[in-house]
C-alpha atoms as a PDB file:
ATOM      1  CA  UNK A   1       0.000   0.000   0.000  1.00  0.00           C
ATOM      2  CA  UNK A   2       1.213   3.466  -0.820  1.00  0.00           C
ATOM      3  CA  UNK A   3       0.954   6.558   1.257  1.00  0.00           C
ATOM      4  CA  UNK A   4      -2.187   8.658   1.509  1.00  0.00           C
ATOM      5  CA  UNK A   5      -0.681  11.192  -0.893  1.00  0.00           C
ATOM      6  CA  UNK A   6      -0.185   8.473  -3.545  1.00  0.00           C
ATOM      7  CA  UNK A   7      -3.808   7.330  -3.227  1.00  0.00           C
ATOM      8  CA  UNK A   8      -5.105  10.884  -3.688  1.00  0.00           C
ATOM      9  CA  UNK A   9      -2.848  11.376  -6.714  1.00  0.00           C
ATOM     10  CA  UNK A  10      -4.164   8.198  -8.369  1.00  0.00           C
ATOM     11  CA  UNK A  11      -7.763   9.191  -7.720  1.00  0.00           C
ATOM     12  CA  UNK A  12      -7.276  12.561  -9.506  1.00  0.00           C
ATOM     13  CA  UNK A  13      -4.991  11.973 -12.494  1.00  0.00           C
ATOM     14  CA  UNK A  14      -3.434  14.864 -14.382  1.00  0.00           C
ATOM     15  CA  UNK A  15      -5.804  16.141 -17.127  1.00  0.00           C
ATOM     16  CA  UNK A  16      -4.791  15.576 -20.736  1.00  0.00           C
ATOM     17  CA  UNK A  17      -4.066  18.755 -22.773  1.00  0.00           C
ATOM     18  CA  UNK A  18      -6.736  19.728 -25.309  1.00  0.00           C
ATOM     19  CA  UNK A  19      -5.999  18.938 -28.926  1.00  0.00           C
ATOM     20  CA  UNK A  20      -5.040  22.026 -30.923  1.00  0.00           C
ATOM     21  CA  UNK A  21      -6.332  23.159 -34.282  1.00  0.00           C
ATOM     22  CA  UNK A  22      -4.907  21.497 -37.369  1.00  0.00           C
ATOM     23  CA  UNK A  23      -2.579  23.657 -39.470  1.00  0.00           C
ATOM     24  CA  UNK A  24      -3.886  25.171 -42.698  1.00  0.00           C
ATOM     25  CA  UNK A  25      -1.720  22.884 -44.856  1.00  0.00           C
ATOM     26  CA  UNK A  26      -4.106  20.014 -44.040  1.00  0.00           C
ATOM     27  CA  UNK A  27      -7.002  21.785 -45.815  1.00  0.00           C
ATOM     28  CA  UNK A  28      -5.235  23.953 -48.380  1.00  0.00           C
ATOM     29  CA  UNK A  29      -6.059  22.061 -51.589  1.00  0.00           C
ATOM     30  CA  UNK A  30      -9.474  21.608 -53.194  1.00  0.00           C
ATOM     31  CA  UNK A  31      -9.521  17.807 -53.240  1.00  0.00           C
ATOM     32  CA  UNK A  32     -13.241  17.219 -52.681  1.00  0.00           C
ATOM     33  CA  UNK A  33     -16.552  18.598 -53.826  1.00  0.00           C
ATOM     34  CA  UNK A  34     -18.105  21.619 -52.084  1.00  0.00           C
ATOM     35  CA  UNK A  35     -19.590  20.555 -48.754  1.00  0.00           C
ATOM     36  CA  UNK A  36     -21.838  23.394 -47.508  1.00  0.00           C
ATOM     37  CA  UNK A  37     -23.846  23.542 -44.323  1.00  0.00           C
ATOM     38  CA  UNK A  38     -27.274  21.961 -44.811  1.00  0.00           C
ATOM     39  CA  UNK A  39     -29.884  19.832 -43.081  1.00  0.00           C
ATOM     40  CA  UNK A  40     -27.675  16.835 -43.819  1.00  0.00           C
ATOM     41  CA  UNK A  41     -24.504  18.540 -42.520  1.00  0.00           C
ATOM     42  CA  UNK A  42     -25.347  19.711 -39.014  1.00  0.00           C
ATOM     43  CA  UNK A  43     -23.270  20.824 -36.070  1.00  0.00           C
ATOM     44  CA  UNK A  44     -21.037  23.156 -38.084  1.00  0.00           C
ATOM     45  CA  UNK A  45     -19.148  25.668 -35.898  1.00  0.00           C
ATOM     46  CA  UNK A  46     -19.534  29.359 -36.703  1.00  0.00           C
ATOM     47  CA  UNK A  47     -16.802  30.841 -38.898  1.00  0.00           C
ATOM     48  CA  UNK A  48     -14.221  33.001 -37.169  1.00  0.00           C
ATOM     49  CA  UNK A  49     -14.792  35.894 -39.564  1.00  0.00           C
ATOM     50  CA  UNK A  50     -18.083  37.663 -38.863  1.00  0.00           C
ATOM     51  CA  UNK A  51     -17.329  41.148 -40.258  1.00  0.00           C
ATOM     52  CA  UNK A  52     -16.871  41.541 -44.010  1.00  0.00           C
ATOM     53  CA  UNK A  53     -16.862  45.375 -44.269  1.00  0.00           C
ATOM     54  CA  UNK A  54     -14.582  47.713 -42.305  1.00  0.00           C
ATOM     55  CA  UNK A  55     -13.959  51.435 -42.283  1.00  0.00           C
ATOM     56  CA  UNK A  56     -16.344  54.035 -43.714  1.00  0.00           C
ATOM     57  CA  UNK A  57     -18.610  51.531 -45.434  1.00  0.00           C
ATOM     58  CA  UNK A  58     -21.599  53.884 -45.707  1.00  0.00           C
ATOM     59  CA  UNK A  59     -19.919  56.683 -47.653  1.00  0.00           C
ATOM     60  CA  UNK A  60     -21.251  57.125 -51.218  1.00  0.00           C
ATOM     61  CA  UNK A  61     -19.223  56.048 -54.180  1.00  0.00           C
ATOM     62  CA  UNK A  62     -18.062  59.547 -55.133  1.00  0.00           C
ATOM     63  CA  UNK A  63     -15.982  59.862 -51.925  1.00  0.00           C
ATOM     64  CA  UNK A  64     -13.398  57.177 -52.767  1.00  0.00           C
ATOM     65  CA  UNK A  65     -12.196  57.039 -56.361  1.00  0.00           C
ATOM     66  CA  UNK A  66      -9.219  54.673 -55.979  1.00  0.00           C
ATOM     67  CA  UNK A  67      -9.507  50.903 -55.536  1.00  0.00           C
ATOM     68  CA  UNK A  68      -6.915  48.206 -54.756  1.00  0.00           C
ATOM     69  CA  UNK A  69      -7.547  44.437 -54.948  1.00  0.00           C
ATOM     70  CA  UNK A  70      -5.815  41.422 -53.425  1.00  0.00           C
ATOM     71  CA  UNK A  71      -6.049  38.708 -56.115  1.00  0.00           C
ATOM     72  CA  UNK A  72      -5.396  35.002 -55.581  1.00  0.00           C
ATOM     73  CA  UNK A  73      -2.845  33.319 -57.831  1.00  0.00           C
ATOM     74  CA  UNK A  74      -3.723  29.744 -56.829  1.00  0.00           C
ATOM     75  CA  UNK A  75      -6.673  27.386 -56.725  1.00  0.00           C
ATOM     76  CA  UNK A  76      -6.948  26.606 -53.022  1.00  0.00           C
ATOM     77  CA  UNK A  77      -8.995  26.808 -49.852  1.00  0.00           C
ATOM     78  CA  UNK A  78      -8.612  29.609 -47.282  1.00  0.00           C
ATOM     79  CA  UNK A  79      -9.900  28.949 -43.781  1.00  0.00           C
ATOM     80  CA  UNK A  80     -12.112  31.391 -41.933  1.00  0.00           C
ATOM     81  CA  UNK A  81      -9.305  31.882 -39.391  1.00  0.00           C
ATOM     82  CA  UNK A  82      -6.948  32.997 -42.153  1.00  0.00           C
ATOM     83  CA  UNK A  83      -9.515  35.410 -43.582  1.00  0.00           C
ATOM     84  CA  UNK A  84     -10.118  36.923 -40.153  1.00  0.00           C
ATOM     85  CA  UNK A  85      -6.388  37.344 -39.515  1.00  0.00           C
ATOM     86  CA  UNK A  86      -5.926  39.018 -42.915  1.00  0.00           C
ATOM     87  CA  UNK A  87      -8.895  41.332 -42.295  1.00  0.00           C
ATOM     88  CA  UNK A  88      -7.609  42.417 -38.885  1.00  0.00           C
ATOM     89  CA  UNK A  89      -4.113  43.026 -40.260  1.00  0.00           C
ATOM     90  CA  UNK A  90      -5.322  45.102 -43.214  1.00  0.00           C
ATOM     91  CA  UNK A  91      -7.754  47.091 -41.085  1.00  0.00           C
ATOM     92  CA  UNK A  92      -5.107  48.003 -38.489  1.00  0.00           C
ATOM     93  CA  UNK A  93      -2.591  48.969 -41.160  1.00  0.00           C
ATOM     94  CA  UNK A  94      -5.064  51.246 -42.945  1.00  0.00           C
ATOM     95  CA  UNK A  95      -6.114  52.920 -39.679  1.00  0.00           C
ATOM     96  CA  UNK A  96      -2.474  53.593 -38.826  1.00  0.00           C
ATOM     97  CA  UNK A  97      -1.267  54.723 -42.250  1.00  0.00           C
ATOM     98  CA  UNK A  98      -4.352  56.292 -43.869  1.00  0.00           C
ATOM     99  CA  UNK A  99      -6.746  57.124 -41.019  1.00  0.00           C
ATOM    100  CA  UNK A 100      -9.992  55.484 -39.963  1.00  0.00           C
ATOM    101  CA  UNK A 101     -12.127  57.837 -42.096  1.00  0.00           C
ATOM    102  CA  UNK A 102     -10.364  57.395 -45.430  1.00  0.00           C
ATOM    103  CA  UNK A 103     -10.979  53.815 -46.553  1.00  0.00           C
ATOM    104  CA  UNK A 104     -13.541  51.054 -46.980  1.00  0.00           C
ATOM    105  CA  UNK A 105     -12.289  47.469 -46.718  1.00  0.00           C
ATOM    106  CA  UNK A 106     -14.413  44.595 -48.023  1.00  0.00           C
ATOM    107  CA  UNK A 107     -13.840  40.825 -47.857  1.00  0.00           C
ATOM    108  CA  UNK A 108     -14.925  39.396 -51.211  1.00  0.00           C
ATOM    109  CA  UNK A 109     -15.043  35.665 -50.352  1.00  0.00           C
ATOM    110  CA  UNK A 110     -17.160  33.753 -47.829  1.00  0.00           C
ATOM    111  CA  UNK A 111     -16.221  30.507 -46.023  1.00  0.00           C
ATOM    112  CA  UNK A 112     -19.130  28.238 -47.012  1.00  0.00           C
ATOM    113  CA  UNK A 113     -17.159  24.985 -47.392  1.00  0.00           C
ATOM    114  CA  UNK A 114     -17.254  22.772 -44.275  1.00  0.00           C
ATOM    115  CA  UNK A 115     -14.001  21.097 -43.196  1.00  0.00           C
ATOM    116  CA  UNK A 116     -14.137  17.667 -41.582  1.00  0.00           C
ATOM    117  CA  UNK A 117     -11.818  16.096 -39.012  1.00  0.00           C
ATOM    118  CA  UNK A 118     -11.594  12.448 -37.985  1.00  0.00           C
ATOM    119  CA  UNK A 119     -10.495  12.794 -34.371  1.00  0.00           C
ATOM    120  CA  UNK A 120      -8.261  10.105 -32.945  1.00  0.00           C
ATOM    121  CA  UNK A 121      -7.939   9.153 -29.287  1.00  0.00           C
ATOM    122  CA  UNK A 122      -4.508   9.759 -27.757  1.00  0.00           C
ATOM    123  CA  UNK A 123      -5.027   8.386 -24.241  1.00  0.00           C
ATOM    124  CA  UNK A 124      -3.668   5.093 -22.901  1.00  0.00           C
ATOM    125  CA  UNK A 125      -5.398   2.035 -24.305  1.00  0.00           C
ATOM    126  CA  UNK A 126      -6.767   3.924 -27.290  1.00  0.00           C
ATOM    127  CA  UNK A 127      -5.837   1.082 -29.651  1.00  0.00           C
ATOM    128  CA  UNK A 128      -8.674  -1.002 -28.193  1.00  0.00           C
ATOM    129  CA  UNK A 129     -11.215   1.796 -28.856  1.00  0.00           C
ATOM    130  CA  UNK A 130     -10.138   3.077 -32.257  1.00  0.00           C
ATOM    131  CA  UNK A 131     -11.190   1.498 -35.540  1.00  0.00           C
ATOM    132  CA  UNK A 132      -8.468   2.944 -37.782  1.00  0.00           C
ATOM    133  CA  UNK A 133      -9.769   3.966 -41.192  1.00  0.00           C
ATOM    134  CA  UNK A 134     -13.089   2.212 -40.712  1.00  0.00           C
ATOM    135  CA  UNK A 135     -15.851   4.836 -40.733  1.00  0.00           C
ATOM    136  CA  UNK A 136     -13.355   7.633 -41.382  1.00  0.00           C
ATOM    137  CA  UNK A 137     -15.942  10.250 -42.405  1.00  0.00           C
ATOM    138  CA  UNK A 138     -15.091  12.980 -39.902  1.00  0.00           C
ATOM    139  CA  UNK A 139     -17.155  15.555 -38.090  1.00  0.00           C
ATOM    140  CA  UNK A 140     -17.372  19.235 -38.959  1.00  0.00           C
ATOM    141  CA  UNK A 141     -14.402  21.107 -37.529  1.00  0.00           C
ATOM    142  CA  UNK A 142     -14.406  24.465 -39.318  1.00  0.00           C
ATOM    143  CA  UNK A 143     -15.163  26.307 -42.537  1.00  0.00           C
ATOM    144  CA  UNK A 144     -13.148  27.566 -45.507  1.00  0.00           C
ATOM    145  CA  UNK A 145     -13.589  29.549 -48.702  1.00  0.00           C
ATOM    146  CA  UNK A 146     -12.900  27.901 -52.066  1.00  0.00           C
ATOM    147  CA  UNK A 147     -10.690  30.199 -54.152  1.00  0.00           C
ATOM    148  CA  UNK A 148      -9.990  30.179 -57.894  1.00  0.00           C
ATOM    149  CA  UNK A 149      -7.065  31.627 -59.813  1.00  0.00           C
ATOM    150  CA  UNK A 150      -7.661  35.312 -60.466  1.00  0.00           C
ATOM    151  CA  UNK A 151     -10.418  35.628 -57.853  1.00  0.00           C
ATOM    152  CA  UNK A 152     -10.452  38.772 -55.724  1.00  0.00           C
ATOM    153  CA  UNK A 153      -9.996  38.060 -52.013  1.00  0.00           C
ATOM    154  CA  UNK A 154     -10.130  41.582 -50.533  1.00  0.00           C
ATOM    155  CA  UNK A 155     -10.732  45.075 -51.873  1.00  0.00           C
ATOM    156  CA  UNK A 156     -10.090  48.556 -50.504  1.00  0.00           C
ATOM    157  CA  UNK A 157     -11.596  51.753 -51.905  1.00  0.00           C
ATOM    158  CA  UNK A 158      -9.889  54.928 -50.763  1.00  0.00           C
ATOM    159  CA  UNK A 159      -8.577  58.277 -51.953  1.00  0.00           C
ATOM    160  CA  UNK A 160      -5.952  58.654 -54.629  1.00  0.00           C
ATOM    161  CA  UNK A 161      -3.287  59.771 -52.157  1.00  0.00           C
ATOM    162  CA  UNK A 162      -3.856  56.693 -49.946  1.00  0.00           C
ATOM    163  CA  UNK A 163      -3.111  54.051 -52.588  1.00  0.00           C
ATOM    164  CA  UNK A 164       0.354  53.338 -51.144  1.00  0.00           C
ATOM    165  CA  UNK A 165      -1.190  52.656 -47.731  1.00  0.00           C
ATOM    166  CA  UNK A 166      -3.638  50.170 -49.263  1.00  0.00           C
ATOM    167  CA  UNK A 167      -0.819  48.383 -51.085  1.00  0.00           C
ATOM    168  CA  UNK A 168       1.156  48.093 -47.842  1.00  0.00           C
ATOM    169  CA  UNK A 169      -1.925  46.818 -45.991  1.00  0.00           C
ATOM    170  CA  UNK A 170      -2.397  44.032 -48.534  1.00  0.00           C
ATOM    171  CA  UNK A 171       1.319  43.228 -48.529  1.00  0.00           C
ATOM    172  CA  UNK A 172       1.086  42.515 -44.816  1.00  0.00           C
ATOM    173  CA  UNK A 173      -2.181  40.605 -45.177  1.00  0.00           C
ATOM    174  CA  UNK A 174      -0.588  38.197 -47.658  1.00  0.00           C
ATOM    175  CA  UNK A 175       1.397  36.630 -44.801  1.00  0.00           C
ATOM    176  CA  UNK A 176      -1.869  35.469 -43.190  1.00  0.00           C
ATOM    177  CA  UNK A 177      -3.148  33.593 -46.256  1.00  0.00           C
ATOM    178  CA  UNK A 178      -1.568  30.463 -47.794  1.00  0.00           C
ATOM    179  CA  UNK A 179      -0.473  30.415 -51.396  1.00  0.00           C
ATOM    180  CA  UNK A 180       0.481  33.307 -53.656  1.00  0.00           C
ATOM    181  CA  UNK A 181      -1.436  36.538 -54.110  1.00  0.00           C
ATOM    182  CA  UNK A 182      -1.016  39.601 -56.297  1.00  0.00           C
ATOM    183  CA  UNK A 183      -1.879  43.213 -55.490  1.00  0.00           C
ATOM    184  CA  UNK A 184      -3.758  44.950 -58.297  1.00  0.00           C
ATOM    185  CA  UNK A 185      -4.445  48.684 -58.479  1.00  0.00           C
ATOM    186  CA  UNK A 186      -7.742  49.013 -60.314  1.00  0.00           C
ATOM    187  CA  UNK A 187      -8.417  51.519 -63.080  1.00  0.00           C
ATOM    188  CA  UNK A 188     -12.118  51.695 -62.145  1.00  0.00           C
ATOM    189  CA  UNK A 189     -13.866  54.133 -59.877  1.00  0.00           C
ATOM    190  CA  UNK A 190     -14.092  52.612 -56.385  1.00  0.00           C
ATOM    191  CA  UNK A 191     -16.215  49.469 -56.244  1.00  0.00           C
ATOM    192  CA  UNK A 192     -18.111  50.375 -59.429  1.00  0.00           C
ATOM    193  CA  UNK A 193     -17.729  48.752 -62.865  1.00  0.00           C
ATOM    194  CA  UNK A 194     -16.979  52.011 -64.683  1.00  0.00           C
ATOM    195  CA  UNK A 195     -13.587  53.415 -65.582  1.00  0.00           C
ATOM    196  CA  UNK A 196     -12.636  56.665 -63.878  1.00  0.00           C
ATOM    197  CA  UNK A 197     -12.880  58.661 -67.110  1.00  0.00           C
ATOM    198  CA  UNK A 198     -16.320  57.251 -67.933  1.00  0.00           C
ATOM    199  CA  UNK A 199     -17.576  57.813 -64.395  1.00  0.00           C
ATOM    200  CA  UNK A 200     -16.596  61.474 -64.423  1.00  0.00           C
ATOM    201  CA  UNK A 201     -18.006  61.969 -67.926  1.00  0.00           C
ATOM    202  CA  UNK A 202     -21.379  60.357 -67.216  1.00  0.00           C
ATOM    203  CA  UNK A 203     -21.688  62.049 -63.817  1.00  0.00           C
ATOM    204  CA  UNK A 204     -21.158  65.462 -65.423  1.00  0.00           C
ATOM    205  CA  UNK A 205     -23.910  64.771 -67.975  1.00  0.00           C
ATOM    206  CA  UNK A 206     -26.352  63.394 -65.407  1.00  0.00           C
ATOM    207  CA  UNK A 207     -26.334  59.819 -66.737  1.00  0.00           C
ATOM    208  CA  UNK A 208     -24.798  58.399 -63.541  1.00  0.00           C
ATOM    209  CA  UNK A 209     -26.820  58.038 -60.340  1.00  0.00           C
ATOM    210  CA  UNK A 210     -25.371  57.176 -56.919  1.00  0.00           C
ATOM    211  CA  UNK A 211     -26.607  53.947 -55.385  1.00  0.00           C
ATOM    212  CA  UNK A 212     -24.869  53.361 -52.048  1.00  0.00           C
ATOM    213  CA  UNK A 213     -21.265  52.270 -52.520  1.00  0.00           C
ATOM    214  CA  UNK A 214     -22.066  51.669 -56.198  1.00  0.00           C
ATOM    215  CA  UNK A 215     -23.843  53.590 -58.922  1.00  0.00           C
ATOM    216  CA  UNK A 216     -26.454  53.173 -61.640  1.00  0.00           C
ATOM    217  CA  UNK A 217     -26.083  54.145 -65.267  1.00  0.00           C
ATOM    218  CA  UNK A 218     -29.289  55.744 -66.517  1.00  0.00           C
ATOM    219  CA  UNK A 219     -30.024  54.437 -69.997  1.00  0.00           C
ATOM    220  CA  UNK A 220     -31.511  56.576 -72.737  1.00  0.00           C
ATOM    221  CA  UNK A 221     -34.723  54.555 -73.000  1.00  0.00           C
ATOM    222  CA  UNK A 222     -37.655  54.411 -70.610  1.00  0.00           C
ATOM    223  CA  UNK A 223     -40.315  56.901 -69.460  1.00  0.00           C
ATOM    224  CA  UNK A 224     -39.919  60.441 -70.765  1.00  0.00           C
ATOM    225  CA  UNK A 225     -40.417  61.827 -67.245  1.00  0.00           C
ATOM    226  CA  UNK A 226     -37.360  59.955 -65.983  1.00  0.00           C
ATOM    227  CA  UNK A 227     -35.396  61.102 -69.022  1.00  0.00           C
ATOM    228  CA  UNK A 228     -36.285  64.738 -68.310  1.00  0.00           C
ATOM    229  CA  UNK A 229     -35.396  64.378 -64.646  1.00  0.00           C
ATOM    230  CA  UNK A 230     -32.117  62.473 -64.944  1.00  0.00           C
ATOM    231  CA  UNK A 231     -30.640  63.469 -68.302  1.00  0.00           C
ATOM    232  CA  UNK A 232     -31.705  66.986 -69.202  1.00  0.00           C
ATOM    233  CA  UNK A 233     -31.484  68.149 -65.567  1.00  0.00           C
ATOM    234  CA  UNK A 234     -27.715  67.710 -65.327  1.00  0.00           C
ATOM    235  CA  UNK A 235     -25.935  68.846 -62.132  1.00  0.00           C
ATOM    236  CA  UNK A 236     -25.861  72.652 -62.060  1.00  0.00           C
ATOM    237  CA  UNK A 237     -28.250  73.075 -65.018  1.00  0.00           C
ATOM    238  CA  UNK A 238     -31.908  73.988 -65.061  1.00  0.00           C
ATOM    239  CA  UNK A 239     -34.412  72.190 -67.271  1.00  0.00           C
ATOM    240  CA  UNK A 240     -35.498  74.272 -70.223  1.00  0.00           C
END
């Protein structure tokens, strides 16, 4: 028989450390079909990234004319943890270098793909309980976004004099995402689909209408009342 201290120690064994999260290299490649959350795939944990727009996201499109994109150069999967880390890094860099009122950051991908993990027991005597590769379909352990080559991961619209700050923010964010990315300075006006020259030209003639962070191009057909209101009544002019 051991001492009383030994009996108490055996009755309360030391707890086993919790298993950590798998590294991103385990889920980097798109090897399987998309596996979204559904009524058949239940118990999916919430993604780590919950905010997809940062900065002055409510300012109209005419405030920020410049736009910078972070473009993926690989076909891969990016976990929600990696997207959140990249978002935090880019947001902090823009606040420090450009100011919190001079940019709008948007995450362009969403982690819909569910990642599975087949957990293995690591305690003593686990070989009697485990079944190896029998029934190896794992349980949901996280989410990731499926990325294609040339797909935009993140975008920043800002002023023309803050383009260098946006490039530096994306340069630092690349370290949080696996694979290779390229930084592209867009020739279009903000988050719109119009070139800067066309945007200024159509705005001056009254053919462009603000619509939140985007804009609408008013076509030449439709009701005559809308034509009189939007085309002939250009900014600064009076209808004849």
